[in-house]
Amino acid sequence: MAHKAQLSSPQVAAVGSRLRKLRKDRGITQADLARQIGIQQSDLSRMEKGEYRVALDKLFKILAVFDLDLAAFFGDQPAKSEPQQPLSQHDMQILHQLRDLSPRGRDEVQEYIEFKLRKERQERRTLTSSRRSGEQGS
């Protein structure tokens, strides 16, 4: 189930915008994608508009439909042309644990993952920038 965004944050809107672009680029209708991931078309529409947060389990289902991983979805690396590896036992365990959480708990996990992704991206940018500076100084 989608969760109403407390305040339509830029991150929620950005995720929704990426979903819409990805879906349209792949030529899939909202109705088809919603059916494949087990939600109402109206909920998917609200997710794409940034009105609802995309629950982590729904995001994983969407990414599975498009054969993408989180890094490719968030633009950290190019989308892979080879098929994705199936979910590992560890991945499945995490998903099962996520299902046992309350909606608030799921929101907290999603917020933490978004925080960690931003932090790691920043660290990679800093590392890349410092490497470039070191190469130019040589």
C-alpha atoms as a PDB file:
ATOM      1  CA  MET A   1       0.000   0.000   0.000  1.00  0.00           C
ATOM      2  CA  ALA A   2       1.195   3.515  -0.754  1.00  0.00           C
ATOM      3  CA  HIS A   3       1.738   5.881   2.130  1.00  0.00           C
ATOM      4  CA  LYS A   4       0.583   9.473   1.957  1.00  0.00           C
ATOM      5  CA  ALA A   5       3.633  11.743   1.915  1.00  0.00           C
ATOM      6  CA  GLN A   6       3.586  13.951   5.014  1.00  0.00           C
ATOM      7  CA  LEU A   7       4.812  16.927   3.051  1.00  0.00           C
ATOM      8  CA  SER A   8       5.488  16.454  -0.612  1.00  0.00           C
ATOM      9  CA  SER A   9       9.238  16.416  -0.286  1.00  0.00           C
ATOM     10  CA  PRO A  10      11.590  16.879  -3.225  1.00  0.00           C
ATOM     11  CA  GLN A  11      12.824  13.303  -2.720  1.00  0.00           C
ATOM     12  CA  VAL A  12       9.316  11.837  -2.920  1.00  0.00           C
ATOM     13  CA  ALA A  13       8.593  13.908  -6.024  1.00  0.00           C
ATOM     14  CA  ALA A  14      11.925  12.883  -7.594  1.00  0.00           C
ATOM     15  CA  VAL A  15      11.229   9.182  -7.050  1.00  0.00           C
ATOM     16  CA  GLY A  16       7.763   9.585  -8.552  1.00  0.00           C
ATOM     17  CA  SER A  17       9.139  11.447 -11.533  1.00  0.00           C
ATOM     18  CA  ARG A  18      11.750   8.736 -12.133  1.00  0.00           C
ATOM     19  CA  LEU A  19       9.060   6.058 -11.943  1.00  0.00           C
ATOM     20  CA  ARG A  20       6.878   7.844 -14.468  1.00  0.00           C
ATOM     21  CA  LYS A  21       9.768   8.391 -16.898  1.00  0.00           C
ATOM     22  CA  LEU A  22      10.912   4.790 -16.588  1.00  0.00           C
ATOM     23  CA  ARG A  23       7.396   3.454 -17.111  1.00  0.00           C
ATOM     24  CA  LYS A  24       6.784   5.662 -20.137  1.00  0.00           C
ATOM     25  CA  ASP A  25      10.221   4.897 -21.612  1.00  0.00           C
ATOM     26  CA  ARG A  26       9.372   1.192 -21.409  1.00  0.00           C
ATOM     27  CA  GLY A  27       5.938   1.730 -22.956  1.00  0.00           C
ATOM     28  CA  ILE A  28       3.973   0.374 -19.989  1.00  0.00           C
ATOM     29  CA  THR A  29       0.653   1.879 -18.941  1.00  0.00           C
ATOM     30  CA  GLN A  30      -0.089   2.782 -15.334  1.00  0.00           C
ATOM     31  CA  ALA A  31      -2.818   0.164 -15.299  1.00  0.00           C
ATOM     32  CA  ASP A  32      -0.433  -2.580 -16.476  1.00  0.00           C
ATOM     33  CA  LEU A  33       2.327  -1.674 -14.005  1.00  0.00           C
ATOM     34  CA  ALA A  34      -0.138  -1.325 -11.127  1.00  0.00           C
ATOM     35  CA  ARG A  35      -1.569  -4.759 -11.893  1.00  0.00           C
ATOM     36  CA  GLN A  36       1.907  -6.318 -12.053  1.00  0.00           C
ATOM     37  CA  ILE A  37       2.901  -4.962  -8.630  1.00  0.00           C
ATOM     38  CA  GLY A  38      -0.470  -5.489  -6.973  1.00  0.00           C
ATOM     39  CA  ILE A  39      -1.733  -1.955  -6.358  1.00  0.00           C
ATOM     40  CA  GLN A  40      -4.501   0.278  -7.661  1.00  0.00           C
ATOM     41  CA  GLN A  41      -3.758   2.390 -10.729  1.00  0.00           C
ATOM     42  CA  SER A  42      -4.824   5.485  -8.767  1.00  0.00           C
ATOM     43  CA  ASP A  43      -2.176   4.741  -6.112  1.00  0.00           C
ATOM     44  CA  LEU A  44       0.514   4.424  -8.785  1.00  0.00           C
ATOM     45  CA  SER A  45      -0.636   7.725 -10.254  1.00  0.00           C
ATOM     46  CA  ARG A  46      -0.302   9.392  -6.838  1.00  0.00           C
ATOM     47  CA  MET A  47       3.169   7.861  -6.392  1.00  0.00           C
ATOM     48  CA  GLU A  48       4.282   9.239  -9.743  1.00  0.00           C
ATOM     49  CA  LYS A  49       2.931  12.677  -8.818  1.00  0.00           C
ATOM     50  CA  GLY A  50       4.800  12.643  -5.490  1.00  0.00           C
ATOM     51  CA  GLU A  51       1.584  12.611  -3.463  1.00  0.00           C
ATOM     52  CA  TYR A  52       2.341   9.184  -1.969  1.00  0.00           C
ATOM     53  CA  ARG A  53       5.636   7.769  -0.852  1.00  0.00           C
ATOM     54  CA  VAL A  54       6.608   4.595  -2.629  1.00  0.00           C
ATOM     55  CA  ALA A  55       6.837   1.839  -0.039  1.00  0.00           C
ATOM     56  CA  LEU A  56      10.124  -0.027  -0.223  1.00  0.00           C
ATOM     57  CA  ASP A  57       8.489  -3.366  -1.014  1.00  0.00           C
ATOM     58  CA  LYS A  58       6.548  -1.751  -3.888  1.00  0.00           C
ATOM     59  CA  LEU A  59       9.703  -0.081  -5.183  1.00  0.00           C
ATOM     60  CA  PHE A  60      11.462  -3.459  -5.261  1.00  0.00           C
ATOM     61  CA  LYS A  61       8.510  -4.933  -7.192  1.00  0.00           C
ATOM     62  CA  ILE A  62       8.596  -2.063  -9.673  1.00  0.00           C
ATOM     63  CA  LEU A  63      12.343  -2.437 -10.143  1.00  0.00           C
ATOM     64  CA  ALA A  64      11.901  -6.176 -10.699  1.00  0.00           C
ATOM     65  CA  VAL A  65       9.371  -5.465 -13.470  1.00  0.00           C
ATOM     66  CA  PHE A  66      11.930  -3.199 -15.167  1.00  0.00           C
ATOM     67  CA  ASP A  67      14.877  -5.490 -14.366  1.00  0.00           C
ATOM     68  CA  LEU A  68      16.741  -2.730 -12.505  1.00  0.00           C
ATOM     69  CA  ASP A  69      18.550  -2.469  -9.205  1.00  0.00           C
ATOM     70  CA  LEU A  70      18.406   0.509  -6.847  1.00  0.00           C
ATOM     71  CA  ALA A  71      21.682   1.978  -8.070  1.00  0.00           C
ATOM     72  CA  ALA A  72      20.534   1.943 -11.688  1.00  0.00           C
ATOM     73  CA  PHE A  73      17.161   3.430 -10.747  1.00  0.00           C
ATOM     74  CA  PHE A  74      18.749   6.263  -8.787  1.00  0.00           C
ATOM     75  CA  GLY A  75      21.270   6.928 -11.543  1.00  0.00           C
ATOM     76  CA  ASP A  76      24.465   5.845  -9.809  1.00  0.00           C
ATOM     77  CA  GLN A  77      25.407   3.513 -12.618  1.00  0.00           C
ATOM     78  CA  PRO A  78      24.089   2.807 -16.075  1.00  0.00           C
ATOM     79  CA  ALA A  79      21.265   0.336 -16.401  1.00  0.00           C
ATOM     80  CA  LYS A  80      22.574  -3.140 -17.014  1.00  0.00           C
ATOM     81  CA  SER A  81      21.739  -4.798 -20.285  1.00  0.00           C
ATOM     82  CA  GLU A  82      22.336  -8.298 -18.923  1.00  0.00           C
ATOM     83  CA  PRO A  83      19.611  -9.947 -16.831  1.00  0.00           C
ATOM     84  CA  GLN A  84      19.543  -9.214 -13.119  1.00  0.00           C
ATOM     85  CA  GLN A  85      20.665 -11.848 -10.680  1.00  0.00           C
ATOM     86  CA  PRO A  86      17.805 -13.308  -8.659  1.00  0.00           C
ATOM     87  CA  LEU A  87      17.355 -12.038  -5.137  1.00  0.00           C
ATOM     88  CA  SER A  88      19.733 -13.673  -2.686  1.00  0.00           C
ATOM     89  CA  GLN A  89      18.594 -15.402   0.490  1.00  0.00           C
ATOM     90  CA  HIS A  90      19.774 -12.328   2.389  1.00  0.00           C
ATOM     91  CA  ASP A  91      17.699 -10.026   0.148  1.00  0.00           C
ATOM     92  CA  MET A  92      14.643 -12.229   0.661  1.00  0.00           C
ATOM     93  CA  GLN A  93      15.167 -12.256   4.428  1.00  0.00           C
ATOM     94  CA  ILE A  94      15.262  -8.462   4.472  1.00  0.00           C
ATOM     95  CA  LEU A  95      12.084  -8.262   2.387  1.00  0.00           C
ATOM     96  CA  HIS A  96      10.277 -10.677   4.704  1.00  0.00           C
ATOM     97  CA  GLN A  97      11.375  -8.662   7.728  1.00  0.00           C
ATOM     98  CA  LEU A  98      10.218  -5.474   6.032  1.00  0.00           C
ATOM     99  CA  ARG A  99       6.758  -6.970   5.564  1.00  0.00           C
ATOM    100  CA  ASP A 100       6.518  -7.565   9.311  1.00  0.00           C
ATOM    101  CA  LEU A 101       7.048  -3.877  10.076  1.00  0.00           C
ATOM    102  CA  SER A 102       4.264  -1.413  10.672  1.00  0.00           C
ATOM    103  CA  PRO A 103       3.645   1.222   7.989  1.00  0.00           C
ATOM    104  CA  ARG A 104       5.535   3.719  10.156  1.00  0.00           C
ATOM    105  CA  GLY A 105       8.425   1.280  10.530  1.00  0.00           C
ATOM    106  CA  ARG A 106       8.548   0.809   6.760  1.00  0.00           C
ATOM    107  CA  ASP A 107       8.607   4.586   6.294  1.00  0.00           C
ATOM    108  CA  GLU A 108      11.519   4.826   8.729  1.00  0.00           C
ATOM    109  CA  VAL A 109      13.437   2.118   6.861  1.00  0.00           C
ATOM    110  CA  GLN A 110      12.795   3.853   3.551  1.00  0.00           C
ATOM    111  CA  GLU A 111      13.942   7.196   4.972  1.00  0.00           C
ATOM    112  CA  TYR A 112      17.104   5.556   6.313  1.00  0.00           C
ATOM    113  CA  ILE A 113      17.856   3.931   2.962  1.00  0.00           C
ATOM    114  CA  GLU A 114      17.354   7.270   1.204  1.00  0.00           C
ATOM    115  CA  PHE A 115      19.685   8.894   3.764  1.00  0.00           C
ATOM    116  CA  LYS A 116      22.353   6.208   3.257  1.00  0.00           C
ATOM    117  CA  LEU A 117      22.100   6.481  -0.538  1.00  0.00           C
ATOM    118  CA  ARG A 118      22.564  10.266  -0.381  1.00  0.00           C
ATOM    119  CA  LYS A 119      25.512   9.893   2.004  1.00  0.00           C
ATOM    120  CA  GLU A 120      27.233   7.221  -0.115  1.00  0.00           C
ATOM    121  CA  ARG A 121      26.691   9.234  -3.307  1.00  0.00           C
ATOM    122  CA  GLN A 122      28.252  12.256  -1.628  1.00  0.00           C
ATOM    123  CA  GLU A 123      31.193  10.145  -0.435  1.00  0.00           C
ATOM    124  CA  ARG A 124      31.709   8.802  -3.971  1.00  0.00           C
ATOM    125  CA  ARG A 125      31.576  12.319  -5.420  1.00  0.00           C
ATOM    126  CA  THR A 126      34.083  13.521  -2.824  1.00  0.00           C
ATOM    127  CA  LEU A 127      36.384  10.573  -3.517  1.00  0.00           C
ATOM    128  CA  THR A 128      36.137  11.069  -7.287  1.00  0.00           C
ATOM    129  CA  SER A 129      36.775  14.782  -6.889  1.00  0.00           C
ATOM    130  CA  SER A 130      39.813  14.241  -4.650  1.00  0.00           C
ATOM    131  CA  ARG A 131      41.228  11.653  -7.098  1.00  0.00           C
ATOM    132  CA  ARG A 132      40.865  14.133  -9.950  1.00  0.00           C
ATOM    133  CA  SER A 133      42.580  16.837  -7.889  1.00  0.00           C
ATOM    134  CA  GLY A 134      45.428  14.426  -7.088  1.00  0.00           C
ATOM    135  CA  GLU A 135      45.850  13.520 -10.747  1.00  0.00           C
ATOM    136  CA  GLN A 136      45.938  17.155 -11.814  1.00  0.00           C
ATOM    137  CA  GLY A 137      48.509  18.002  -9.129  1.00  0.00           C
ATOM    138  CA  SER A 138      50.931  15.300 -10.325  1.00  0.00           C
END
